[in-house]
Amino acid sequence: MAVCVIRKSRFQIIPKFPLYSIRTAVKLSYKIFGESEVDPDDPPIFLFHDLLGTKKHWDSFGKTMVNMTKRSVVAVDLRNHGDSPHVSSHKYEDMAEDIFKLFKKLSVDKASIVGHGMGGRASMCVSLIAPEKVAGLLILDISPVSTCKHLEEFTKILAIIKDINFKEQKKICTAKRHAKKKLKSIIHDDTLMNVSRSAVDLAYKVHGNENYNVAPVIVIHGLLGMKKNWESVSKSINESTNKAVIAVDVRNHGESPHTESHTYPELASDISQLISKLSIKSSHVIGHSMGGRTGMVLALTEPAKVASLIVVDISPVSTAGILNDFFPKLIEVMKAVNYKGADNISKARSIAKEHLVKSGLVKAESSGFLLINVGLRPDGSYGWLCNLNALNKHFPDIATFPSGLDGKQYSGPTLFIGGEESNYLPRQDLPGIKKYFPNAKLEYVKDVGHNVHAEDPNAFLKIVLRFLS
C-alpha cells in the first residue's frame, strides 16, 4: 500500500480548541496508509506506540487495517521517540497536546484511536480532554488505575541504553548488533530483542489465479531449499483445491535479498510483509523444516494471518542431532567450492557436484536439492545463490526454536507431518507441541526421511489435501 497524504478536502476543518493550549505542543512525525481506496466519510484511525516504540512497529498492522476497514490509518511517532522532536518534557498531557496539534494539521475533526502501553494512556488523555474528537478508543495492555511491576524494568533498560556508545559503529547493522549485545544482559526475550528488525521483500511464484478472496496457500521451504523445490507439489495443491499457492524464497535463499541477519522472528516478519503486500487477509501456511519453524513463529505472533498451519518434519520442542552435526559441515564444504572456469550453469553445477560428492557428505544421487542452488549471481558469476556466510553465522538461531515465544498459543487447525525414518519430529514431542498448538495433530509418512514432500509426494499430498479440505 502506497504512503500518501490525507487531503484537506477529505475532512472537515476543526474549530479552535477551547479546552486546552497547544503552545508547548511539538510537530509529530507520522506515516499515512491509504487514501485512494478509503471512505472519506469515515474517521481516520490513529495508532500510538508504547514506550521505546516507533511508528515503524505499526507498519504491518496499519496496512492490514486499511485493507480491512477502507479507512485512512495514521501511525505516529510520539515526542522523544522515532523521528519526532526531542524535548525536556514527557507528560501525558503534553503528548495529548501534540496529538491535538497533529489533528489540526491534518484537518481531522474526529478520529478512532488505537494506543498501546504509553500510547494507550496518551490516548485516554485525549479522549478525556476532548471526547468530541474521539470516534472510538482501543487501549492495548495498559490501565489508567494500576501500573504493572514489569514497567519498573524500563528504568534499567533506559539506563543501559543511555550508556551505549556508538562512536565506533559506522553502519546501522553493526550498531544494532552492538546495542543488542549490551541489552542482552537485561532482556532475555528474543522476540523483544528483534522488534527493530526490518522485513525484506521476498521473491515468490504464484500457482493459479491471483485472487486471494479465498485464503491462499503459502509454501515456505527449508534450509538450503528454494521455491523451485516445491514446484510440482505447489501445482498439485493448486489444481486439487483451486486455491492459489504462493511459493516463496526466504531471505538469504534463491532470488530473495541477502541480509546479514537470519532469525525466525525476521523470517516470519518477511512472510507477514508479503501477506500484507498482496492484501491477503488470511492464508494456509505450509512450512518444511526451517520453513516450518518460520510458519510456527508467524502463527504464534500474528495468528489472524494464519487460517491453518502445516508443519513438515520439524519440532518446536527438540532439535535433531543430525541438524547440528550435518549442516554446519555441509555449509563449510559448499563455501569451499571453487567455480573458477565455470562459464555456464551446467559446468558450474558439475563442479559443485564433484566437490560435494568428494567430501563424503553428499551422495551423487541425492545432490539435486543442493545443486538447484547454483545459478547466475548478480555480479555475473556462477555460484551458490544462497547466502552461506549469513546461514553459517546464524546457524545456532536456525537450529533452535525462539525461547521468547513461551506462553503464546495458536489455536487454529494445525497438522505436523513427519517422515517415519526421520528423527526431526519425535512422537514424544507432541505434549510440548500442544503447549504452543493445542489443536495440533501428528501424522507420519512411511518409509521416508526428512524431505517428506520429495521422497513420497503422493502420500504427502494425500495428507495435505485431506487436511485443507
Protein backbone atom coordinates (compact mmCIF):
# COMPACT_ATOMS: atom_id res chain seq x y z
CA MET A 1 0.00 0.00 0.00
CA ALA A 2 1.44 3.36 -1.03
CA VAL A 3 2.03 6.00 1.57
CA CYS A 4 0.22 9.23 0.77
CA VAL A 5 -1.01 12.39 2.43
CA ILE A 6 -4.54 12.92 3.70
CA ARG A 7 -6.03 15.71 1.63
CA LYS A 8 -7.69 18.53 3.49
CA SER A 9 -10.78 18.12 1.36
CA ARG A 10 -11.41 14.74 2.96
CA PHE A 11 -12.05 16.03 6.46
CA GLN A 12 -13.79 19.00 7.98
CA ILE A 13 -11.70 21.82 9.35
CA ILE A 14 -11.95 21.60 13.12
CA PRO A 15 -12.72 24.61 15.26
CA LYS A 16 -10.28 26.21 17.65
CA PHE A 17 -9.59 24.19 20.77
CA PRO A 18 -11.26 25.92 23.71
CA LEU A 19 -10.23 23.42 26.40
CA TYR A 20 -6.50 23.32 26.14
CA SER A 21 -3.43 25.15 24.94
CA ILE A 22 -1.13 23.96 22.16
CA ARG A 23 1.69 26.40 22.91
CA THR A 24 4.05 23.64 24.08
CA ALA A 25 2.98 21.05 21.51
CA VAL A 26 5.55 19.63 19.06
CA LYS A 27 5.15 18.59 15.43
CA LEU A 28 4.89 14.83 15.46
CA SER A 29 6.29 12.61 12.72
CA TYR A 30 3.69 10.34 11.14
CA LYS A 31 3.04 7.91 8.29
CA ILE A 32 -0.29 7.61 6.49
CA PHE A 33 -1.56 4.38 4.98
CA GLY A 34 -4.30 4.55 2.37
CA GLU A 35 -6.23 7.31 0.64
CA SER A 36 -7.36 6.27 -2.83
CA GLU A 37 -9.37 3.31 -1.53
CA VAL A 38 -10.72 4.80 1.69
CA ASP A 39 -14.14 6.16 2.55
CA PRO A 40 -13.77 9.93 3.13
CA ASP A 41 -16.84 9.96 5.38
CA ASP A 42 -15.31 7.57 7.92
CA PRO A 43 -12.97 8.98 10.59
CA PRO A 44 -9.31 8.01 10.18
CA ILE A 45 -7.60 5.60 12.58
CA PHE A 46 -4.60 6.85 14.57
CA LEU A 47 -2.03 4.42 16.00
CA PHE A 48 0.12 5.36 19.02
CA HIS A 49 3.06 3.17 20.11
CA ASP A 50 4.36 2.14 23.54
CA LEU A 51 7.43 3.36 25.44
CA LEU A 52 10.58 2.86 23.31
CA GLY A 53 8.41 2.06 20.29
CA THR A 54 8.11 3.85 16.94
CA LYS A 55 5.56 4.19 14.15
CA LYS A 56 7.52 1.53 12.22
CA HIS A 57 6.20 -1.12 14.60
CA TRP A 58 2.71 -0.47 13.21
CA ASP A 59 3.64 -0.97 9.51
CA SER A 60 2.09 -4.40 9.04
CA PHE A 61 -0.92 -3.65 11.25
CA GLY A 62 -1.51 -0.29 9.53
CA LYS A 63 -1.63 -1.85 6.07
CA THR A 64 -3.96 -4.58 7.29
CA MET A 65 -6.30 -2.03 8.88
CA VAL A 66 -6.54 -0.10 5.58
CA ASN A 67 -7.38 -3.29 3.69
CA MET A 68 -10.00 -4.38 6.23
CA THR A 69 -11.67 -1.05 7.07
CA LYS A 70 -11.10 1.06 3.91
CA ARG A 71 -10.21 3.97 6.18
CA SER A 72 -7.07 6.09 6.34
CA VAL A 73 -4.66 4.90 9.02
CA VAL A 74 -2.06 7.19 10.59
CA ALA A 75 0.89 5.73 12.55
CA VAL A 76 2.59 8.31 14.78
CA ASP A 77 5.96 8.75 16.50
CA LEU A 78 5.22 10.30 19.90
CA ARG A 79 7.52 13.02 21.28
CA ASN A 80 11.02 11.85 22.24
CA HIS A 81 10.62 8.77 20.01
CA GLY A 82 11.44 7.90 16.40
CA ASP A 83 11.54 10.86 14.02
CA SER A 84 9.60 13.22 16.31
CA PRO A 85 11.29 16.10 18.19
CA HIS A 86 13.22 15.57 21.42
CA VAL A 87 12.05 17.82 24.26
CA SER A 88 12.67 18.04 28.00
CA SER A 89 9.07 17.28 28.97
CA HIS A 90 7.28 13.96 28.57
CA LYS A 91 3.93 14.05 30.38
CA TYR A 92 0.71 12.51 29.11
CA GLU A 93 -0.90 15.97 28.96
CA ASP A 94 1.99 17.07 26.71
CA MET A 95 1.53 14.07 24.45
CA ALA A 96 -2.19 14.80 24.22
CA GLU A 97 -1.45 18.38 23.12
CA ASP A 98 0.92 17.03 20.46
CA ILE A 99 -1.87 14.80 19.16
CA PHE A 100 -4.36 17.67 19.05
CA LYS A 101 -1.83 19.71 17.06
CA LEU A 102 -1.48 16.82 14.61
CA PHE A 103 -5.28 16.56 14.30
CA LYS A 104 -5.38 20.26 13.43
CA LYS A 105 -2.56 19.94 10.89
CA LEU A 106 -4.36 17.09 9.11
CA SER A 107 -7.76 18.81 9.40
CA VAL A 108 -9.17 15.88 11.33
CA ASP A 109 -12.40 16.64 13.17
CA LYS A 110 -12.84 13.19 14.73
CA ALA A 111 -10.68 10.05 14.80
CA SER A 112 -10.67 6.47 16.04
CA ILE A 113 -7.65 5.87 18.25
CA VAL A 114 -5.57 2.77 19.00
CA GLY A 115 -2.97 3.12 21.76
CA HIS A 116 -0.51 0.58 23.15
CA GLY A 117 1.04 0.94 26.59
CA MET A 118 2.26 4.51 26.98
CA GLY A 119 0.41 5.37 23.77
CA GLY A 120 -2.73 3.94 25.34
CA ARG A 121 -2.53 6.29 28.30
CA ALA A 122 -1.86 9.23 25.96
CA SER A 123 -4.96 8.16 24.01
CA MET A 124 -7.04 8.04 27.21
CA CYS A 125 -5.85 11.55 27.98
CA VAL A 126 -7.00 12.75 24.54
CA SER A 127 -10.44 11.17 24.96
CA LEU A 128 -10.95 12.67 28.43
CA ILE A 129 -9.84 16.19 27.44
CA ALA A 130 -11.79 16.32 24.17
CA PRO A 131 -14.25 13.40 23.93
CA GLU A 132 -15.97 15.02 20.93
CA LYS A 133 -12.83 14.36 18.88
CA VAL A 134 -12.73 10.60 19.53
CA ALA A 135 -14.98 8.34 17.46
CA GLY A 136 -13.70 5.22 19.19
CA LEU A 137 -10.95 4.21 21.60
CA LEU A 138 -8.99 0.93 21.70
CA ILE A 139 -6.46 0.55 24.52
CA LEU A 140 -3.88 -2.25 24.41
CA ASP A 141 -2.42 -3.75 27.60
CA ILE A 142 -2.45 -0.74 29.94
CA SER A 143 -4.70 0.53 32.73
CA PRO A 144 -5.48 4.05 34.00
CA VAL A 145 -5.88 2.64 37.53
CA SER A 146 -2.84 0.48 38.26
CA THR A 147 0.74 0.08 36.99
CA CYS A 148 2.31 -3.27 36.16
CA LYS A 149 5.52 -4.05 38.09
CA HIS A 150 7.10 -5.02 34.75
CA LEU A 151 7.24 -1.31 33.87
CA GLU A 152 9.91 -0.88 36.55
CA GLU A 153 12.29 -2.84 34.29
CA PHE A 154 12.20 0.02 31.77
CA THR A 155 14.25 2.24 34.08
CA LYS A 156 17.04 -0.38 33.97
CA ILE A 157 16.73 -0.68 30.19
CA LEU A 158 16.84 3.09 29.75
CA ALA A 159 19.98 3.29 31.91
CA ILE A 160 21.75 0.72 29.71
CA ILE A 161 20.58 2.43 26.50
CA LYS A 162 21.87 5.75 27.76
CA ASP A 163 25.35 4.31 28.33
CA ILE A 164 25.71 2.61 24.93
CA ASN A 165 28.49 4.28 22.90
CA PHE A 166 28.02 4.19 19.11
CA LYS A 167 31.16 6.16 18.19
CA GLU A 168 32.89 3.18 16.57
CA GLN A 169 29.77 1.90 14.76
CA LYS A 170 29.78 3.08 11.15
CA LYS A 171 26.86 1.01 9.83
CA ILE A 172 23.30 0.57 11.10
CA CYS A 173 23.64 -3.25 11.13
CA THR A 174 26.75 -3.18 13.31
CA ALA A 175 25.21 -0.54 15.58
CA LYS A 176 22.17 -2.76 16.13
CA ARG A 177 24.35 -5.78 16.93
CA HIS A 178 26.38 -3.66 19.36
CA ALA A 179 23.21 -2.45 21.12
CA LYS A 180 21.70 -5.95 21.20
CA LYS A 181 24.83 -7.34 22.85
CA LYS A 182 24.65 -4.68 25.57
CA LEU A 183 20.91 -5.13 26.15
CA LYS A 184 21.08 -8.93 26.41
CA SER A 185 22.30 -8.53 30.00
CA ILE A 186 18.77 -7.49 30.98
CA ILE A 187 16.45 -8.54 28.11
CA HIS A 188 16.17 -12.27 27.57
CA ASP A 189 13.16 -12.28 25.24
CA ASP A 190 14.42 -12.97 21.69
CA THR A 191 11.23 -11.63 20.17
CA LEU A 192 11.53 -8.33 22.08
CA MET A 193 15.18 -8.02 21.09
CA ASN A 194 14.17 -8.20 17.44
CA VAL A 195 11.38 -5.63 17.43
CA SER A 196 13.55 -3.32 15.33
CA ARG A 197 14.10 -5.93 12.63
CA SER A 198 13.49 -4.87 9.03
CA ALA A 199 11.45 -7.13 6.78
CA VAL A 200 12.65 -7.75 3.21
CA ASP A 201 10.64 -8.14 0.01
CA LEU A 202 10.65 -11.85 -0.79
CA ALA A 203 10.75 -13.41 -4.24
CA TYR A 204 7.72 -15.61 -4.83
CA LYS A 205 5.78 -17.51 -7.51
CA VAL A 206 2.00 -17.80 -7.65
CA HIS A 207 0.44 -21.01 -8.93
CA GLY A 208 -3.15 -20.46 -10.06
CA ASN A 209 -5.40 -17.43 -10.04
CA GLU A 210 -4.08 -14.42 -8.10
CA ASN A 211 -7.47 -13.85 -6.49
CA TYR A 212 -6.98 -14.03 -2.74
CA ASN A 213 -10.62 -13.70 -1.66
CA VAL A 214 -10.32 -17.40 -0.84
CA ALA A 215 -7.42 -17.93 1.57
CA PRO A 216 -4.37 -18.96 -0.50
CA VAL A 217 -1.68 -21.46 0.48
CA ILE A 218 1.79 -20.12 1.28
CA VAL A 219 4.66 -22.61 0.94
CA ILE A 220 7.93 -21.97 2.85
CA HIS A 221 10.96 -24.13 2.03
CA GLY A 222 13.66 -25.42 4.37
CA LEU A 223 17.32 -24.59 4.92
CA LEU A 224 19.26 -24.52 1.60
CA GLY A 225 15.98 -25.00 -0.25
CA MET A 226 14.17 -22.80 -2.78
CA LYS A 227 10.67 -22.28 -4.10
CA LYS A 228 11.71 -24.40 -7.11
CA ASN A 229 11.92 -27.44 -4.80
CA TRP A 230 8.15 -27.15 -4.31
CA GLU A 231 7.18 -26.55 -7.96
CA SER A 232 5.43 -29.89 -8.54
CA VAL A 233 3.75 -30.05 -5.14
CA SER A 234 2.56 -26.41 -5.40
CA LYS A 235 0.96 -27.09 -8.81
CA SER A 236 -0.77 -30.19 -7.48
CA ILE A 237 -2.20 -28.38 -4.45
CA ASN A 238 -3.50 -25.59 -6.70
CA GLU A 239 -5.10 -27.98 -9.19
CA SER A 240 -6.71 -30.11 -6.46
CA THR A 241 -8.02 -27.32 -4.21
CA ASN A 242 -8.47 -24.41 -6.64
CA LYS A 243 -6.66 -22.27 -4.06
CA ALA A 244 -3.82 -20.00 -5.17
CA VAL A 245 -0.48 -21.37 -3.99
CA ILE A 246 2.34 -18.91 -3.28
CA ALA A 247 5.80 -20.49 -3.06
CA VAL A 248 8.45 -18.18 -1.60
CA ASP A 249 12.21 -17.91 -1.44
CA VAL A 250 13.03 -16.93 2.15
CA ARG A 251 15.73 -14.34 2.83
CA ASN A 252 19.28 -15.43 2.02
CA HIS A 253 17.94 -18.09 -0.38
CA GLY A 254 17.09 -18.24 -4.08
CA GLU A 255 16.08 -14.93 -5.63
CA SER A 256 15.29 -13.17 -2.33
CA PRO A 257 17.57 -10.48 -0.84
CA HIS A 258 20.71 -11.36 1.11
CA THR A 259 20.94 -9.86 4.61
CA GLU A 260 23.40 -10.15 7.46
CA SER A 261 20.77 -11.48 9.84
CA HIS A 262 18.70 -14.69 9.74
CA THR A 263 16.45 -15.34 12.75
CA TYR A 264 12.97 -16.85 12.92
CA PRO A 265 11.25 -13.62 14.04
CA GLU A 266 12.81 -11.93 10.98
CA LEU A 267 11.79 -14.75 8.62
CA ALA A 268 8.24 -14.61 9.97
CA SER A 269 8.23 -10.82 9.58
CA ASP A 270 9.21 -11.23 5.91
CA ILE A 271 6.27 -13.59 5.31
CA SER A 272 3.95 -11.23 7.19
CA GLN A 273 5.07 -8.34 4.98
CA LEU A 274 4.38 -10.41 1.84
CA ILE A 275 0.88 -11.26 3.13
CA SER A 276 0.20 -7.55 3.69
CA LYS A 277 1.73 -6.60 0.33
CA LEU A 278 -0.64 -8.96 -1.51
CA SER A 279 -3.63 -7.76 0.57
CA ILE A 280 -4.24 -11.28 1.87
CA LYS A 281 -6.49 -11.42 4.93
CA SER A 282 -5.56 -14.95 5.97
CA SER A 283 -3.64 -17.88 4.48
CA HIS A 284 -2.94 -21.59 4.88
CA VAL A 285 0.76 -21.91 5.68
CA ILE A 286 2.87 -24.96 4.79
CA GLY A 287 6.45 -24.91 6.03
CA HIS A 288 9.20 -27.52 5.79
CA SER A 289 11.95 -27.74 8.42
CA MET A 290 13.30 -24.16 8.80
CA GLY A 291 10.22 -23.01 6.90
CA GLY A 292 8.05 -24.95 9.35
CA ARG A 293 9.52 -23.09 12.30
CA THR A 294 9.04 -19.83 10.39
CA GLY A 295 5.36 -20.73 9.94
CA MET A 296 5.06 -21.56 13.64
CA VAL A 297 6.51 -18.18 14.68
CA LEU A 298 4.13 -16.38 12.29
CA ALA A 299 1.14 -18.30 13.65
CA LEU A 300 2.12 -17.60 17.28
CA THR A 301 2.82 -13.88 16.76
CA GLU A 302 0.21 -12.99 14.12
CA PRO A 303 -2.49 -15.70 14.33
CA ALA A 304 -5.04 -13.64 12.37
CA LYS A 305 -2.91 -14.08 9.25
CA VAL A 306 -2.87 -17.88 9.51
CA ALA A 307 -6.05 -19.80 8.62
CA SER A 308 -4.32 -23.13 9.20
CA LEU A 309 -0.78 -24.41 9.66
CA ILE A 310 1.01 -27.46 8.25
CA VAL A 311 4.49 -28.11 9.64
CA VAL A 312 6.64 -30.64 7.78
CA ASP A 313 9.19 -32.68 9.75
CA ILE A 314 10.35 -30.22 12.38
CA SER A 315 9.52 -29.64 16.04
CA PRO A 316 9.37 -26.53 18.25
CA VAL A 317 10.41 -28.68 21.20
CA SER A 318 13.56 -30.56 20.21
CA THR A 319 16.28 -30.38 17.55
CA ALA A 320 17.55 -33.48 15.75
CA GLY A 321 21.22 -34.18 16.36
CA ILE A 322 21.82 -34.57 12.61
CA LEU A 323 20.81 -30.93 12.12
CA ASN A 324 23.57 -29.71 14.44
CA ASP A 325 26.12 -32.19 13.09
CA PHE A 326 25.46 -32.24 9.35
CA PHE A 327 24.51 -28.76 8.18
CA PRO A 328 27.46 -26.76 9.60
CA LYS A 329 29.85 -29.21 7.91
CA LEU A 330 27.85 -29.08 4.68
CA ILE A 331 27.88 -25.27 4.61
CA GLU A 332 31.67 -25.26 5.05
CA VAL A 333 32.03 -27.74 2.16
CA MET A 334 29.75 -25.58 -0.02
CA LYS A 335 31.77 -22.46 0.80
CA ALA A 336 34.94 -24.21 -0.34
CA VAL A 337 33.68 -24.90 -3.88
CA ASN A 338 35.82 -23.07 -6.46
CA TYR A 339 33.77 -22.10 -9.52
CA LYS A 340 36.76 -20.82 -11.49
CA GLY A 341 36.29 -21.65 -15.16
CA ALA A 342 32.52 -22.11 -14.87
CA ASP A 343 31.12 -20.18 -17.83
CA ASN A 344 27.67 -21.80 -17.92
CA ILE A 345 25.15 -23.25 -15.45
CA SER A 346 25.82 -26.86 -16.45
CA LYS A 347 29.56 -26.59 -15.84
CA ALA A 348 29.04 -24.76 -12.54
CA ARG A 349 26.73 -27.48 -11.24
CA SER A 350 29.14 -30.18 -12.39
CA ILE A 351 31.96 -28.53 -10.40
CA ALA A 352 29.75 -28.25 -7.32
CA LYS A 353 28.54 -31.84 -7.58
CA GLU A 354 32.06 -33.21 -7.85
CA HIS A 355 33.18 -31.26 -4.79
CA LEU A 356 30.12 -32.27 -2.71
CA VAL A 357 30.42 -35.97 -3.53
CA LYS A 358 34.18 -35.94 -2.91
CA SER A 359 33.57 -34.56 0.60
CA GLY A 360 31.66 -37.71 1.52
CA LEU A 361 28.77 -35.70 2.97
CA VAL A 362 26.53 -35.89 -0.10
CA LYS A 363 25.75 -38.84 -2.37
CA ALA A 364 25.64 -38.21 -6.12
CA GLU A 365 22.02 -39.39 -6.38
CA SER A 366 20.82 -37.02 -3.63
CA SER A 367 22.78 -33.91 -4.66
CA GLY A 368 20.00 -32.43 -6.79
CA PHE A 369 18.31 -30.47 -3.99
CA LEU A 370 21.60 -28.64 -3.34
CA LEU A 371 22.65 -28.14 -6.96
CA ILE A 372 19.45 -26.25 -7.72
CA ASN A 373 21.04 -23.50 -5.56
CA VAL A 374 23.76 -22.99 -8.18
CA GLY A 375 22.99 -20.18 -10.62
CA LEU A 376 23.99 -16.87 -12.15
CA ARG A 377 24.62 -14.34 -9.40
CA PRO A 378 24.04 -10.56 -9.54
CA ASP A 379 27.76 -9.95 -10.24
CA GLY A 380 27.57 -12.10 -13.39
CA SER A 381 29.48 -15.06 -11.96
CA TYR A 382 28.17 -18.58 -11.34
CA GLY A 383 27.97 -19.91 -7.81
CA TRP A 384 25.70 -20.52 -4.83
CA LEU A 385 22.58 -18.33 -4.81
CA CYS A 386 22.13 -18.75 -1.06
CA ASN A 387 23.98 -16.54 1.42
CA LEU A 388 26.25 -19.15 3.01
CA ASN A 389 28.04 -16.66 5.28
CA ALA A 390 24.81 -15.48 6.91
CA LEU A 391 23.43 -19.02 7.23
CA ASN A 392 26.65 -20.23 8.81
CA LYS A 393 26.79 -17.31 11.21
CA HIS A 394 23.15 -17.72 12.26
CA PHE A 395 23.05 -21.50 12.32
CA PRO A 396 22.51 -21.54 16.13
CA ASP A 397 19.39 -19.39 15.53
CA ILE A 398 18.20 -21.79 12.82
CA ALA A 399 18.82 -24.89 14.94
CA THR A 400 16.78 -23.69 17.94
CA PHE A 401 13.18 -22.53 18.30
CA PRO A 402 12.89 -18.98 19.72
CA SER A 403 12.65 -19.05 23.53
CA GLY A 404 10.73 -15.78 23.70
CA LEU A 405 7.52 -17.42 22.47
CA ASP A 406 6.89 -19.45 25.62
CA GLY A 407 3.31 -18.92 26.75
CA LYS A 408 1.99 -17.97 23.30
CA GLN A 409 -0.55 -20.20 21.54
CA TYR A 410 -2.05 -20.64 18.09
CA SER A 411 -5.46 -22.32 18.37
CA GLY A 412 -6.18 -22.73 14.66
CA PRO A 413 -6.12 -26.04 12.76
CA THR A 414 -2.56 -27.40 12.89
CA LEU A 415 -1.01 -30.51 11.35
CA PHE A 416 2.51 -31.82 11.84
CA ILE A 417 3.69 -34.26 9.15
CA GLY A 418 6.82 -36.29 9.84
CA GLY A 419 8.91 -38.79 7.93
CA GLU A 420 8.85 -42.14 9.72
CA GLU A 421 12.56 -42.65 9.03
CA SER A 422 13.47 -39.14 10.20
CA ASN A 423 14.31 -38.05 13.76
CA TYR A 424 13.41 -34.37 13.28
CA LEU A 425 9.87 -34.79 14.69
CA PRO A 426 9.83 -37.27 17.62
CA ARG A 427 6.42 -38.60 18.67
CA GLN A 428 7.25 -37.80 22.30
CA ASP A 429 7.34 -34.08 21.41
CA LEU A 430 3.55 -33.96 20.96
CA PRO A 431 2.73 -32.83 24.56
CA GLY A 432 5.25 -29.98 24.19
CA ILE A 433 3.90 -29.13 20.73
CA LYS A 434 0.38 -28.85 22.16
CA LYS A 435 1.55 -26.18 24.61
CA TYR A 436 2.01 -23.93 21.58
CA PHE A 437 -0.58 -25.51 19.29
CA PRO A 438 -3.40 -27.05 21.37
CA ASN A 439 -5.25 -28.34 18.29
CA ALA A 440 -2.19 -29.93 16.69
CA LYS A 441 -2.40 -33.38 15.10
CA LEU A 442 0.55 -35.54 14.15
CA GLU A 443 0.84 -37.87 11.12
CA TYR A 444 3.77 -39.80 9.65
CA VAL A 445 4.59 -40.97 6.13
CA LYS A 446 6.07 -44.45 5.96
CA ASP A 447 9.49 -45.27 4.51
CA VAL A 448 10.63 -41.65 4.05
CA GLY A 449 13.11 -39.36 5.77
CA HIS A 450 13.31 -35.61 6.31
CA ASN A 451 12.28 -34.46 2.81
CA VAL A 452 8.79 -35.97 3.06
CA HIS A 453 7.29 -33.98 0.17
CA ALA A 454 10.08 -35.02 -2.22
CA GLU A 455 10.53 -38.67 -1.17
CA ASP A 456 6.84 -39.62 -1.38
CA PRO A 457 4.90 -36.72 -2.91
CA ASN A 458 1.74 -38.79 -3.45
CA ALA A 459 1.42 -39.82 0.20
CA PHE A 460 2.34 -36.30 1.30
CA LEU A 461 -0.26 -34.68 -0.97
CA LYS A 462 -2.96 -37.09 0.18
CA ILE A 463 -2.46 -35.98 3.80
CA VAL A 464 -2.23 -32.27 2.91
CA LEU A 465 -5.31 -32.24 0.67
CA ARG A 466 -7.38 -34.09 3.26
CA PHE A 467 -6.38 -31.50 5.86
CA LEU A 468 -7.05 -28.48 3.61
CA SER A 469 -10.46 -29.79 2.61
